[in-house]
PDB file of N, CA and C in Angstrom:
ATOM      1  N   MET A   1      87.529 101.604 105.647  1.00  0.00           N
ATOM      2  CA  MET A   1      88.413 101.374 104.844  1.00  0.00           C
ATOM      3  C   MET A   1      88.543 102.243 103.907  1.00  0.00           C
ATOM      4  N   VAL A   2      89.982 102.517 103.536  1.00  0.00           N
ATOM      5  CA  VAL A   2      90.204 104.193 102.693  1.00  0.00           C
ATOM      6  C   VAL A   2      90.424 103.112 101.641  1.00  0.00           C
ATOM      7  N   SER A   3      89.457 104.004 100.400  1.00  0.00           N
ATOM      8  CA  SER A   3      89.375 103.434  99.064  1.00  0.00           C
ATOM      9  C   SER A   3      90.621 102.856  98.717  1.00  0.00           C
ATOM     10  N   GLY A   4      91.045 101.652  97.939  1.00  0.00           N
ATOM     11  CA  GLY A   4      92.520 101.454  97.916  1.00  0.00           C
ATOM     12  C   GLY A   4      92.670 101.278  98.401  1.00  0.00           C
ATOM     13  N   MET A   5      92.864 100.826  99.403  1.00  0.00           N
ATOM     14  CA  MET A   5      94.205 100.695 100.590  1.00  0.00           C
ATOM     15  C   MET A   5      93.703  99.982 101.305  1.00  0.00           C
ATOM     16  N   PRO A   6      93.053  98.477 101.206  1.00  0.00           N
ATOM     17  CA  PRO A   6      92.748  97.808 102.179  1.00  0.00           C
ATOM     18  C   PRO A   6      93.314  97.045 103.273  1.00  0.00           C
ATOM     19  N   TRP A   7      94.655  97.444 102.784  1.00  0.00           N
ATOM     20  CA  TRP A   7      96.414  97.267 104.275  1.00  0.00           C
ATOM     21  C   TRP A   7      95.766  98.313 105.307  1.00  0.00           C
ATOM     22  N   MET A   8      95.225  99.641 104.807  1.00  0.00           N
ATOM     23  CA  MET A   8      95.012 100.880 106.274  1.00  0.00           C
ATOM     24  C   MET A   8      94.851  99.916 107.332  1.00  0.00           C
ATOM     25  N   ASN A   9      93.448  99.281 107.123  1.00  0.00           N
ATOM     26  CA  ASN A   9      92.821  98.456 108.564  1.00  0.00           C
ATOM     27  C   ASN A   9      93.957  97.926 109.526  1.00  0.00           C
ATOM     28  N   LEU A  10      94.877  97.984 109.047  1.00  0.00           N
ATOM     29  CA  LEU A  10      95.897  96.843 109.733  1.00  0.00           C
ATOM     30  C   LEU A  10      96.554  97.988 110.899  1.00  0.00           C
ATOM     31  N   PHE A  11      96.616  99.056 110.215  1.00  0.00           N
ATOM     32  CA  PHE A  11      97.727 100.359 110.571  1.00  0.00           C
ATOM     33  C   PHE A  11      96.908 101.013 111.337  1.00  0.00           C
ATOM     34  N   SER A  12      95.444 101.839 111.154  1.00  0.00           N
ATOM     35  CA  SER A  12      94.776 102.484 111.484  1.00  0.00           C
ATOM     36  C   SER A  12      94.247 102.848 113.109  1.00  0.00           C
ATOM     37  N   ALA A  13      94.585 101.740 113.660  1.00  0.00           N
ATOM     38  CA  ALA A  13      94.456 101.864 115.099  1.00  0.00           C
ATOM     39  C   ALA A  13      95.921 102.854 115.567  1.00  0.00           C
ATOM     40  N   PHE A  14      96.758 102.506 115.171  1.00  0.00           N
ATOM     41  CA  PHE A  14      98.628 103.043 115.441  1.00  0.00           C
ATOM     42  C   PHE A  14      98.651 104.441 115.021  1.00  0.00           C
ATOM     43  N   HIS A  15      97.356 105.214 114.596  1.00  0.00           N
ATOM     44  CA  HIS A  15      97.552 106.483 113.975  1.00  0.00           C
ATOM     45  C   HIS A  15      96.458 107.194 115.322  1.00  0.00           C
ATOM     46  N   ASN A  16      96.267 106.401 115.988  1.00  0.00           N
ATOM     47  CA  ASN A  16      94.883 106.957 116.931  1.00  0.00           C
ATOM     48  C   ASN A  16      95.866 107.628 117.780  1.00  0.00           C
ATOM     49  N   PRO A  17      96.114 108.896 118.179  1.00  0.00           N
ATOM     50  CA  PRO A  17      97.146 109.202 119.474  1.00  0.00           C
ATOM     51  C   PRO A  17      96.678 108.611 120.946  1.00  0.00           C
ATOM     52  N   ALA A  18      95.346 108.017 121.444  1.00  0.00           N
ATOM     53  CA  ALA A  18      94.841 107.682 122.287  1.00  0.00           C
ATOM     54  C   ALA A  18      95.432 106.182 122.322  1.00  0.00           C
ATOM     55  N   VAL A  19      95.887 105.322 121.049  1.00  0.00           N
ATOM     56  CA  VAL A  19      96.791 104.316 121.266  1.00  0.00           C
ATOM     57  C   VAL A  19      98.058 104.455 121.515  1.00  0.00           C
ATOM     58  N   VAL A  20      98.193 105.292 120.713  1.00  0.00           N
ATOM     59  CA  VAL A  20     100.043 105.902 121.063  1.00  0.00           C
ATOM     60  C   VAL A  20      99.989 106.244 122.518  1.00  0.00           C
ATOM     61  N   ALA A  21      99.546 106.647 123.203  1.00  0.00           N
ATOM     62  CA  ALA A  21      99.526 107.140 124.399  1.00  0.00           C
ATOM     63  C   ALA A  21      98.963 106.437 125.406  1.00  0.00           C
ATOM     64  N   GLY A  22      98.200 105.703 125.098  1.00  0.00           N
ATOM     65  CA  GLY A  22      97.781 104.061 125.950  1.00  0.00           C
ATOM     66  C   GLY A  22      99.159 103.466 125.907  1.00  0.00           C
ATOM     67  N   SER A  23      99.589 102.874 124.726  1.00  0.00           N
ATOM     68  CA  SER A  23     100.366 101.539 124.496  1.00  0.00           C
ATOM     69  C   SER A  23     101.787 102.286 125.499  1.00  0.00           C
ATOM     70  N   LEU A  24     101.991 103.622 125.306  1.00  0.00           N
ATOM     71  CA  LEU A  24     103.618 104.061 126.096  1.00  0.00           C
ATOM     72  C   LEU A  24     103.081 103.631 127.597  1.00  0.00           C
ATOM     73  N   PHE A  25     102.288 104.004 127.654  1.00  0.00           N
ATOM     74  CA  PHE A  25     102.054 104.065 129.460  1.00  0.00           C
ATOM     75  C   PHE A  25     101.835 102.392 129.475  1.00  0.00           C
ATOM     76  N   PHE A  26     101.282 101.502 129.269  1.00  0.00           N
ATOM     77  CA  PHE A  26     101.279 100.330 129.298  1.00  0.00           C
ATOM     78  C   PHE A  26     102.310  99.720 129.259  1.00  0.00           C
ATOM     79  N   TYR A  27     103.395 100.040 128.580  1.00  0.00           N
ATOM     80  CA  TYR A  27     104.858  99.373 128.326  1.00  0.00           C
ATOM     81  C   TYR A  27     105.520 100.036 129.555  1.00  0.00           C
ATOM     82  N   LEU A  28     105.614 101.041 130.292  1.00  0.00           N
ATOM     83  CA  LEU A  28     105.572 101.932 131.419  1.00  0.00           C
ATOM     84  C   LEU A  28     105.346 101.352 132.606  1.00  0.00           C
ATOM     85  N   ALA A  29     104.405 100.964 132.487  1.00  0.00           N
ATOM     86  CA  ALA A  29     103.539 100.474 133.492  1.00  0.00           C
ATOM     87  C   ALA A  29     104.016  99.004 133.832  1.00  0.00           C
ATOM     88  N   ILE A  30     104.300  98.337 132.862  1.00  0.00           N
ATOM     89  CA  ILE A  30     105.077  96.826 133.081  1.00  0.00           C
ATOM     90  C   ILE A  30     106.408  96.599 133.001  1.00  0.00           C
ATOM     91  N   SER A  31     106.971  97.614 132.278  1.00  0.00           N
ATOM     92  CA  SER A  31     108.191  97.216 131.129  1.00  0.00           C
ATOM     93  C   SER A  31     109.545  96.574 132.732  1.00  0.00           C
ATOM     94  N   LYS A  32     109.098  97.085 133.602  1.00  0.00           N
ATOM     95  CA  LYS A  32     110.329  96.735 134.967  1.00  0.00           C
ATOM     96  C   LYS A  32     109.993  95.312 135.131  1.00  0.00           C
ATOM     97  N   GLN A  33     108.405  95.055 135.824  1.00  0.00           N
ATOM     98  CA  GLN A  33     108.436  94.072 136.121  1.00  0.00           C
ATOM     99  C   GLN A  33     108.471  93.065 134.862  1.00  0.00           C
ATOM    100  N   LEU A  34     107.964  93.530 133.982  1.00  0.00           N
ATOM    101  CA  LEU A  34     108.150  91.898 132.958  1.00  0.00           C
ATOM    102  C   LEU A  34     110.035  91.771 132.529  1.00  0.00           C
ATOM    103  N   THR A  35     110.756  92.810 132.853  1.00  0.00           N
ATOM    104  CA  THR A  35     111.951  92.586 132.451  1.00  0.00           C
ATOM    105  C   THR A  35     112.768  91.920 133.401  1.00  0.00           C
ATOM    106  N   ALA A  36     112.269  92.601 134.717  1.00  0.00           N
ATOM    107  CA  ALA A  36     112.771  91.365 136.031  1.00  0.00           C
ATOM    108  C   ALA A  36     112.100  89.808 135.975  1.00  0.00           C
ATOM    109  N   PHE A  37     110.980  89.324 135.454  1.00  0.00           N
ATOM    110  CA  PHE A  37     110.405  88.356 135.031  1.00  0.00           C
ATOM    111  C   PHE A  37     110.998  87.512 134.140  1.00  0.00           C
ATOM    112  N   ILE A  38     111.526  88.283 133.063  1.00  0.00           N
ATOM    113  CA  ILE A  38     112.187  87.250 131.873  1.00  0.00           C
ATOM    114  C   ILE A  38     113.367  87.058 132.421  1.00  0.00           C
ATOM    115  N   ARG A  39     114.167  87.971 133.056  1.00  0.00           N
ATOM    116  CA  ARG A  39     115.523  88.132 133.582  1.00  0.00           C
ATOM    117  C   ARG A  39     115.988  86.847 134.489  1.00  0.00           C
ATOM    118  N   ASP A  40     114.699  86.632 135.683  1.00  0.00           N
ATOM    119  CA  ASP A  40     114.844  85.927 136.451  1.00  0.00           C
ATOM    120  C   ASP A  40     114.753  84.668 135.621  1.00  0.00           C
ATOM    121  N   THR A  41     113.598  84.286 134.738  1.00  0.00           N
ATOM    122  CA  THR A  41     113.505  83.075 134.630  1.00  0.00           C
ATOM    123  C   THR A  41     114.363  82.234 133.833  1.00  0.00           C
ATOM    124  N   ILE A  42     114.984  83.374 132.972  1.00  0.00           N
ATOM    125  CA  ILE A  42     116.013  82.458 132.226  1.00  0.00           C
ATOM    126  C   ILE A  42     117.739  82.705 132.847  1.00  0.00           C
ATOM    127  N   LYS A  43     117.597  83.078 134.046  1.00  0.00           N
ATOM    128  CA  LYS A  43     118.692  83.420 134.711  1.00  0.00           C
ATOM    129  C   LYS A  43     119.534  84.247 134.003  1.00  0.00           C
ATOM    130  N   LEU A  44     119.393  85.278 133.275  1.00  0.00           N
ATOM    131  CA  LEU A  44     120.564  85.668 132.507  1.00  0.00           C
ATOM    132  C   LEU A  44     121.024  87.232 133.278  1.00  0.00           C
ATOM    133  N   SER A  45     122.536  87.180 133.471  1.00  0.00           N
ATOM    134  CA  SER A  45     122.985  88.221 133.967  1.00  0.00           C
ATOM    135  C   SER A  45     123.160  89.488 132.899  1.00  0.00           C
ATOM    136  N   PRO A  46     122.954  90.850 133.682  1.00  0.00           N
ATOM    137  CA  PRO A  46     122.939  91.949 132.603  1.00  0.00           C
ATOM    138  C   PRO A  46     124.375  91.949 131.983  1.00  0.00           C
ATOM    139  N   LYS A  47     125.777  91.419 132.526  1.00  0.00           N
ATOM    140  CA  LYS A  47     126.756  91.715 131.940  1.00  0.00           C
ATOM    141  C   LYS A  47     127.064  90.151 131.492  1.00  0.00           C
ATOM    142  N   SER A  48     125.999  89.293 130.869  1.00  0.00           N
ATOM    143  CA  SER A  48     126.352  88.266 130.443  1.00  0.00           C
ATOM    144  C   SER A  48     126.791  88.157 128.437  1.00  0.00           C
ATOM    145  N   ILE A  49     127.332  87.735 128.500  1.00  0.00           N
ATOM    146  CA  ILE A  49     127.710  87.422 126.207  1.00  0.00           C
ATOM    147  C   ILE A  49     126.296  86.785 125.711  1.00  0.00           C
ATOM    148  N   ALA A  50     125.481  86.373 126.244  1.00  0.00           N
ATOM    149  CA  ALA A  50     124.539  86.203 125.985  1.00  0.00           C
ATOM    150  C   ALA A  50     123.500  87.036 125.174  1.00  0.00           C
ATOM    151  N   LEU A  51     123.957  88.348 126.260  1.00  0.00           N
ATOM    152  CA  LEU A  51     122.911  89.481 126.588  1.00  0.00           C
ATOM    153  C   LEU A  51     123.443  90.465 125.244  1.00  0.00           C
ATOM    154  N   LYS A  52     124.928  90.309 125.398  1.00  0.00           N
ATOM    155  CA  LYS A  52     125.391  91.179 124.032  1.00  0.00           C
ATOM    156  C   LYS A  52     124.833  90.844 122.889  1.00  0.00           C
ATOM    157  N   TYR A  53     125.232  89.538 122.524  1.00  0.00           N
ATOM    158  CA  TYR A  53     124.356  89.075 121.346  1.00  0.00           C
ATOM    159  C   TYR A  53     123.154  89.309 121.113  1.00  0.00           C
ATOM    160  N   PHE A  54     122.186  89.210 122.012  1.00  0.00           N
ATOM    161  CA  PHE A  54     121.160  89.203 121.800  1.00  0.00           C
ATOM    162  C   PHE A  54     120.884  90.571 121.560  1.00  0.00           C
ATOM    163  N   VAL A  55     121.447  91.893 121.933  1.00  0.00           N
ATOM    164  CA  VAL A  55     121.438  93.210 121.683  1.00  0.00           C
ATOM    165  C   VAL A  55     121.870  93.710 120.700  1.00  0.00           C
ATOM    166  N   PHE A  56     122.911  92.943 120.356  1.00  0.00           N
ATOM    167  CA  PHE A  56     123.624  93.449 119.018  1.00  0.00           C
ATOM    168  C   PHE A  56     123.041  92.656 117.166  1.00  0.00           C
ATOM    169  N   ILE A  57     122.126  91.313 117.706  1.00  0.00           N
ATOM    170  CA  ILE A  57     121.213  90.866 116.879  1.00  0.00           C
ATOM    171  C   ILE A  57     119.900  91.652 116.828  1.00  0.00           C
ATOM    172  N   HIS A  58     119.590  92.289 117.780  1.00  0.00           N
ATOM    173  CA  HIS A  58     118.479  92.880 117.834  1.00  0.00           C
ATOM    174  C   HIS A  58     118.594  94.246 116.682  1.00  0.00           C
ATOM    175  N   ASN A  59     119.694  95.061 117.433  1.00  0.00           N
ATOM    176  CA  ASN A  59     119.939  95.643 116.675  1.00  0.00           C
ATOM    177  C   ASN A  59     120.165  95.920 115.226  1.00  0.00           C
ATOM    178  N   LEU A  60     120.822  94.785 114.545  1.00  0.00           N
ATOM    179  CA  LEU A  60     121.624  94.187 113.413  1.00  0.00           C
ATOM    180  C   LEU A  60     119.732  94.280 112.528  1.00  0.00           C
ATOM    181  N   LEU A  61     118.652  93.517 113.216  1.00  0.00           N
ATOM    182  CA  LEU A  61     117.408  93.195 112.431  1.00  0.00           C
ATOM    183  C   LEU A  61     117.176  94.741 112.094  1.00  0.00           C
ATOM    184  N   LEU A  62     117.076  95.336 112.943  1.00  0.00           N
ATOM    185  CA  LEU A  62     116.273  96.467 113.072  1.00  0.00           C
ATOM    186  C   LEU A  62     116.931  97.351 111.992  1.00  0.00           C
ATOM    187  N   ALA A  63     118.152  97.237 111.692  1.00  0.00           N
ATOM    188  CA  ALA A  63     118.709  98.080 110.824  1.00  0.00           C
ATOM    189  C   ALA A  63     118.324  97.121 109.324  1.00  0.00           C
ATOM    190  N   VAL A  64     118.476  96.341 109.348  1.00  0.00           N
ATOM    191  CA  VAL A  64     118.149  95.865 108.487  1.00  0.00           C
ATOM    192  C   VAL A  64     117.144  95.848 107.584  1.00  0.00           C
ATOM    193  N   PHE A  65     116.072  95.779 108.797  1.00  0.00           N
ATOM    194  CA  PHE A  65     114.804  96.168 108.074  1.00  0.00           C
ATOM    195  C   PHE A  65     114.695  97.712 107.354  1.00  0.00           C
ATOM    196  N   SER A  66     115.374  98.620 108.509  1.00  0.00           N
ATOM    197  CA  SER A  66     115.257  99.908 107.926  1.00  0.00           C
ATOM    198  C   SER A  66     116.164 100.152 106.335  1.00  0.00           C
ATOM    199  N   LEU A  67     116.747  99.244 106.071  1.00  0.00           N
ATOM    200  CA  LEU A  67     117.682  99.358 104.765  1.00  0.00           C
ATOM    201  C   LEU A  67     116.003  98.379 104.195  1.00  0.00           C
ATOM    202  N   VAL A  68     115.671  97.614 104.199  1.00  0.00           N
ATOM    203  CA  VAL A  68     114.543  96.422 103.118  1.00  0.00           C
ATOM    204  C   VAL A  68     113.991  98.325 103.077  1.00  0.00           C
ATOM    205  N   VAL A  69     113.145  98.869 104.230  1.00  0.00           N
ATOM    206  CA  VAL A  69     112.051  99.991 104.100  1.00  0.00           C
ATOM    207  C   VAL A  69     112.599 101.072 102.996  1.00  0.00           C
ATOM    208  N   PHE A  70     113.838 101.123 102.914  1.00  0.00           N
ATOM    209  CA  PHE A  70     114.618 102.273 102.192  1.00  0.00           C
ATOM    210  C   PHE A  70     114.792 102.040 100.588  1.00  0.00           C
ATOM    211  N   VAL A  71     115.122 100.401 100.567  1.00  0.00           N
ATOM    212  CA  VAL A  71     115.472 100.125  99.176  1.00  0.00           C
ATOM    213  C   VAL A  71     114.074  99.823  98.814  1.00  0.00           C
ATOM    214  N   LYS A  72     113.204  99.363  99.205  1.00  0.00           N
ATOM    215  CA  LYS A  72     111.455  99.531  98.358  1.00  0.00           C
ATOM    216  C   LYS A  72     111.150 101.093  98.460  1.00  0.00           C
ATOM    217  N   THR A  73     111.466 101.993  99.226  1.00  0.00           N
ATOM    218  CA  THR A  73     110.481 103.276  98.762  1.00  0.00           C
ATOM    219  C   THR A  73     111.755 104.320  98.008  1.00  0.00           C
ATOM    220  N   ALA A  74     112.626 104.306  98.125  1.00  0.00           N
ATOM    221  CA  ALA A  74     114.151 105.288  97.547  1.00  0.00           C
ATOM    222  C   ALA A  74     113.478 104.831  96.136  1.00  0.00           C
ATOM    223  N   PRO A  75     113.346 104.150  95.274  1.00  0.00           N
ATOM    224  CA  PRO A  75     112.841 104.362  93.928  1.00  0.00           C
ATOM    225  C   PRO A  75     111.516 104.773  93.594  1.00  0.00           C
ATOM    226  N   LEU A  76     110.365 104.419  94.417  1.00  0.00           N
ATOM    227  CA  LEU A  76     108.913 104.866  94.584  1.00  0.00           C
ATOM    228  C   LEU A  76     109.273 106.840  94.745  1.00  0.00           C
ATOM    229  N   VAL A  77     110.448 107.308  95.116  1.00  0.00           N
ATOM    230  CA  VAL A  77     109.929 108.452  96.054  1.00  0.00           C
ATOM    231  C   VAL A  77     111.040 109.608  94.596  1.00  0.00           C
ATOM    232  N   VAL A  78     112.166 108.081  94.292  1.00  0.00           N
ATOM    233  CA  VAL A  78     112.306 109.125  93.203  1.00  0.00           C
ATOM    234  C   VAL A  78     111.829 109.501  91.871  1.00  0.00           C
ATOM    235  N   SER A  79     111.508 108.336  91.593  1.00  0.00           N
ATOM    236  CA  SER A  79     110.444 108.177  90.083  1.00  0.00           C
ATOM    237  C   SER A  79     109.171 109.286  90.091  1.00  0.00           C
ATOM    238  N   HIS A  80     108.692 109.316  91.742  1.00  0.00           N
ATOM    239  CA  HIS A  80     107.462 110.388  91.394  1.00  0.00           C
ATOM    240  C   HIS A  80     107.997 111.572  91.303  1.00  0.00           C
ATOM    241  N   PHE A  81     109.206 111.866  92.275  1.00  0.00           N
ATOM    242  CA  PHE A  81     109.465 112.990  92.028  1.00  0.00           C
ATOM    243  C   PHE A  81     110.091 113.334  90.861  1.00  0.00           C
ATOM    244  N   LYS A  82     110.329 112.753  90.173  1.00  0.00           N
ATOM    245  CA  LYS A  82     110.872 113.044  88.576  1.00  0.00           C
ATOM    246  C   LYS A  82     109.957 113.423  87.808  1.00  0.00           C
ATOM    247  N   ALA A  83     108.601 112.471  87.997  1.00  0.00           N
ATOM    248  CA  ALA A  83     107.673 112.637  86.905  1.00  0.00           C
ATOM    249  C   ALA A  83     106.727 113.505  87.482  1.00  0.00           C
ATOM    250  N   TYR A  84     106.383 113.989  88.880  1.00  0.00           N
ATOM    251  CA  TYR A  84     105.505 115.360  89.180  1.00  0.00           C
ATOM    252  C   TYR A  84     105.525 116.424  90.291  1.00  0.00           C
ATOM    253  N   GLY A  85     107.131 115.644  90.545  1.00  0.00           N
ATOM    254  CA  GLY A  85     107.529 116.930  91.636  1.00  0.00           C
ATOM    255  C   GLY A  85     107.283 116.855  92.924  1.00  0.00           C
ATOM    256  N   ASN A  86     107.823 117.673  93.711  1.00  0.00           N
ATOM    257  CA  ASN A  86     108.195 117.585  94.880  1.00  0.00           C
ATOM    258  C   ASN A  86     106.657 117.812  95.531  1.00  0.00           C
ATOM    259  N   GLU A  87     105.533 118.704  95.234  1.00  0.00           N
ATOM    260  CA  GLU A  87     104.720 118.531  96.152  1.00  0.00           C
ATOM    261  C   GLU A  87     103.624 117.633  95.577  1.00  0.00           C
ATOM    262  N   SER A  88     103.838 116.902  95.035  1.00  0.00           N
ATOM    263  CA  SER A  88     102.679 115.861  94.433  1.00  0.00           C
ATOM    264  C   SER A  88     103.424 114.548  95.283  1.00  0.00           C
ATOM    265  N   LEU A  89     104.504 114.402  95.965  1.00  0.00           N
ATOM    266  CA  LEU A  89     105.271 113.605  97.208  1.00  0.00           C
ATOM    267  C   LEU A  89     104.044 113.879  98.052  1.00  0.00           C
ATOM    268  N   HIS A  90     103.936 114.708  98.570  1.00  0.00           N
ATOM    269  CA  HIS A  90     103.072 115.035  99.943  1.00  0.00           C
ATOM    270  C   HIS A  90     101.803 115.089  99.512  1.00  0.00           C
ATOM    271  N   CYS A  91     100.996 115.536  98.316  1.00  0.00           N
ATOM    272  CA  CYS A  91      99.624 115.368  98.148  1.00  0.00           C
ATOM    273  C   CYS A  91      98.687 114.314  97.003  1.00  0.00           C
ATOM    274  N   SER A  92      99.453 114.099  96.407  1.00  0.00           N
ATOM    275  CA  SER A  92      99.056 112.870  95.336  1.00  0.00           C
ATOM    276  C   SER A  92      98.616 111.729  96.212  1.00  0.00           C
ATOM    277  N   PRO A  93      96.854 111.260  96.051  1.00  0.00           N
ATOM    278  CA  PRO A  93      96.758 110.133  96.479  1.00  0.00           C
ATOM    279  C   PRO A  93      97.186 109.183  95.753  1.00  0.00           C
ATOM    280  N   THR A  94      97.582 108.906  94.757  1.00  0.00           N
ATOM    281  CA  THR A  94      98.084 107.694  94.056  1.00  0.00           C
ATOM    282  C   THR A  94      99.775 107.522  94.345  1.00  0.00           C
ATOM    283  N   PHE A  95     100.499 108.553  94.712  1.00  0.00           N
ATOM    284  CA  PHE A  95     102.448 107.998  95.151  1.00  0.00           C
ATOM    285  C   PHE A  95     101.514 107.371  96.541  1.00  0.00           C
ATOM    286  N   TRP A  96     100.653 107.445  97.330  1.00  0.00           N
ATOM    287  CA  TRP A  96     100.298 106.950  98.216  1.00  0.00           C
ATOM    288  C   TRP A  96     100.084 105.263  98.642  1.00  0.00           C
ATOM    289  N   THR A  97      99.053 105.103  97.142  1.00  0.00           N
ATOM    290  CA  THR A  97      98.589 103.874  96.759  1.00  0.00           C
ATOM    291  C   THR A  97      99.236 103.223  95.980  1.00  0.00           C
ATOM    292  N   ASP A  98     100.294 103.622  95.199  1.00  0.00           N
ATOM    293  CA  ASP A  98     100.766 103.177  94.739  1.00  0.00           C
ATOM    294  C   ASP A  98     102.269 102.012  95.240  1.00  0.00           C
ATOM    295  N   GLY A  99     102.233 102.254  96.841  1.00  0.00           N
ATOM    296  CA  GLY A  99     102.817 100.770  97.660  1.00  0.00           C
ATOM    297  C   GLY A  99     104.044 102.055  98.457  1.00  0.00           C
ATOM    298  N   PHE A 100     104.249 103.149  98.303  1.00  0.00           N
ATOM    299  CA  PHE A 100     104.714 104.414  98.789  1.00  0.00           C
ATOM    300  C   PHE A 100     103.926 104.209 100.349  1.00  0.00           C
ATOM    301  N   GLY A 101     102.621 103.970 100.359  1.00  0.00           N
ATOM    302  CA  GLY A 101     101.992 104.175 101.310  1.00  0.00           C
ATOM    303  C   GLY A 101     102.002 102.991 102.727  1.00  0.00           C
ATOM    304  N   PHE A 102     102.387 101.361 101.853  1.00  0.00           N
ATOM    305  CA  PHE A 102     101.960 100.172 102.912  1.00  0.00           C
ATOM    306  C   PHE A 102     103.474 100.689 103.223  1.00  0.00           C
ATOM    307  N   TRP A 103     104.287 100.816 102.940  1.00  0.00           N
ATOM    308  CA  TRP A 103     106.033 101.008 103.071  1.00  0.00           C
ATOM    309  C   TRP A 103     105.966 102.412 104.444  1.00  0.00           C
ATOM    310  N   ALA A 104     105.307 103.326 104.205  1.00  0.00           N
ATOM    311  CA  ALA A 104     105.306 104.324 105.190  1.00  0.00           C
ATOM    312  C   ALA A 104     104.427 103.930 106.618  1.00  0.00           C
ATOM    313  N   ASN A 105     103.248 103.001 106.494  1.00  0.00           N
ATOM    314  CA  ASN A 105     102.991 103.101 107.472  1.00  0.00           C
ATOM    315  C   ASN A 105     104.049 101.319 108.322  1.00  0.00           C
ATOM    316  N   VAL A 106     104.154 100.821 107.235  1.00  0.00           N
ATOM    317  CA  VAL A 106     105.102  99.980 108.357  1.00  0.00           C
ATOM    318  C   VAL A 106     106.307 100.280 108.779  1.00  0.00           C
ATOM    319  N   PHE A 107     106.537 100.985 108.297  1.00  0.00           N
ATOM    320  CA  PHE A 107     108.141 102.256 108.790  1.00  0.00           C
ATOM    321  C   PHE A 107     107.530 102.553 110.035  1.00  0.00           C
ATOM    322  N   TYR A 108     106.059 103.300 109.726  1.00  0.00           N
ATOM    323  CA  TYR A 108     105.862 104.013 111.345  1.00  0.00           C
ATOM    324  C   TYR A 108     105.337 103.303 112.618  1.00  0.00           C
ATOM    325  N   VAL A 109     105.060 101.977 112.001  1.00  0.00           N
ATOM    326  CA  VAL A 109     104.266 101.251 113.031  1.00  0.00           C
ATOM    327  C   VAL A 109     105.814 100.441 113.843  1.00  0.00           C
ATOM    328  N   SER A 110     106.662 100.271 113.211  1.00  0.00           N
ATOM    329  CA  SER A 110     107.508  99.907 113.821  1.00  0.00           C
ATOM    330  C   SER A 110     108.483 100.788 114.189  1.00  0.00           C
ATOM    331  N   LYS A 111     108.377 101.985 114.713  1.00  0.00           N
ATOM    332  CA  LYS A 111     108.591 102.598 115.768  1.00  0.00           C
ATOM    333  C   LYS A 111     108.141 102.474 116.913  1.00  0.00           C
ATOM    334  N   TYR A 112     106.314 101.538 117.143  1.00  0.00           N
ATOM    335  CA  TYR A 112     106.595 101.226 118.621  1.00  0.00           C
ATOM    336  C   TYR A 112     107.347 100.431 118.867  1.00  0.00           C
ATOM    337  N   TRP A 113     107.878  99.448 118.587  1.00  0.00           N
ATOM    338  CA  TRP A 113     108.980  98.553 118.800  1.00  0.00           C
ATOM    339  C   TRP A 113     109.948  99.238 118.892  1.00  0.00           C
ATOM    340  N   GLU A 114     110.198  99.863 118.233  1.00  0.00           N
ATOM    341  CA  GLU A 114     111.522 100.704 118.836  1.00  0.00           C
ATOM    342  C   GLU A 114     111.829 101.656 120.065  1.00  0.00           C
ATOM    343  N   VAL A 115     110.987 102.149 120.118  1.00  0.00           N
ATOM    344  CA  VAL A 115     110.822 103.266 120.780  1.00  0.00           C
ATOM    345  C   VAL A 115     110.458 102.213 122.815  1.00  0.00           C
ATOM    346  N   ARG A 116     109.499 101.185 122.397  1.00  0.00           N
ATOM    347  CA  ARG A 116     109.649 100.221 123.158  1.00  0.00           C
ATOM    348  C   ARG A 116     111.294  99.568 123.921  1.00  0.00           C
ATOM    349  N   ALA A 117     111.788  99.314 122.743  1.00  0.00           N
ATOM    350  CA  ALA A 117     113.207  98.702 122.913  1.00  0.00           C
ATOM    351  C   ALA A 117     114.467 100.027 123.920  1.00  0.00           C
ATOM    352  N   GLY A 118     114.079 100.957 122.941  1.00  0.00           N
ATOM    353  CA  GLY A 118     114.786 102.439 123.712  1.00  0.00           C
ATOM    354  C   GLY A 118     114.175 103.105 124.836  1.00  0.00           C
ATOM    355  N   VAL A 119     113.238 102.734 125.244  1.00  0.00           N
ATOM    356  CA  VAL A 119     113.087 103.058 126.928  1.00  0.00           C
ATOM    357  C   VAL A 119     113.834 102.266 127.736  1.00  0.00           C
TER     358      VAL A 119
END
């Protein structure tokens, strides 16, 4: 466990390059079959209005999530920058343990979903 950051255990596996490569390989290996299975199971046409709404809502939720992360992290970045300067944003352990690290990791892990959605 990283001292002062117990939540890091939740994210540490996602920082391992083998997990990144393995996740991508696994997704690419099963994505066509899984997509076909889901499409055939719920009888969804690629041009259906339901799919268009689903894609719209999915993208809207991703945008709202990014906005929430920005709203949570921007004040932390600005206040730390004003107090300690640019170098401290990258080198100060307290900046990363005072809330920014959690949101940075949540955002990083969310990229797994976005890459999967974009492939």
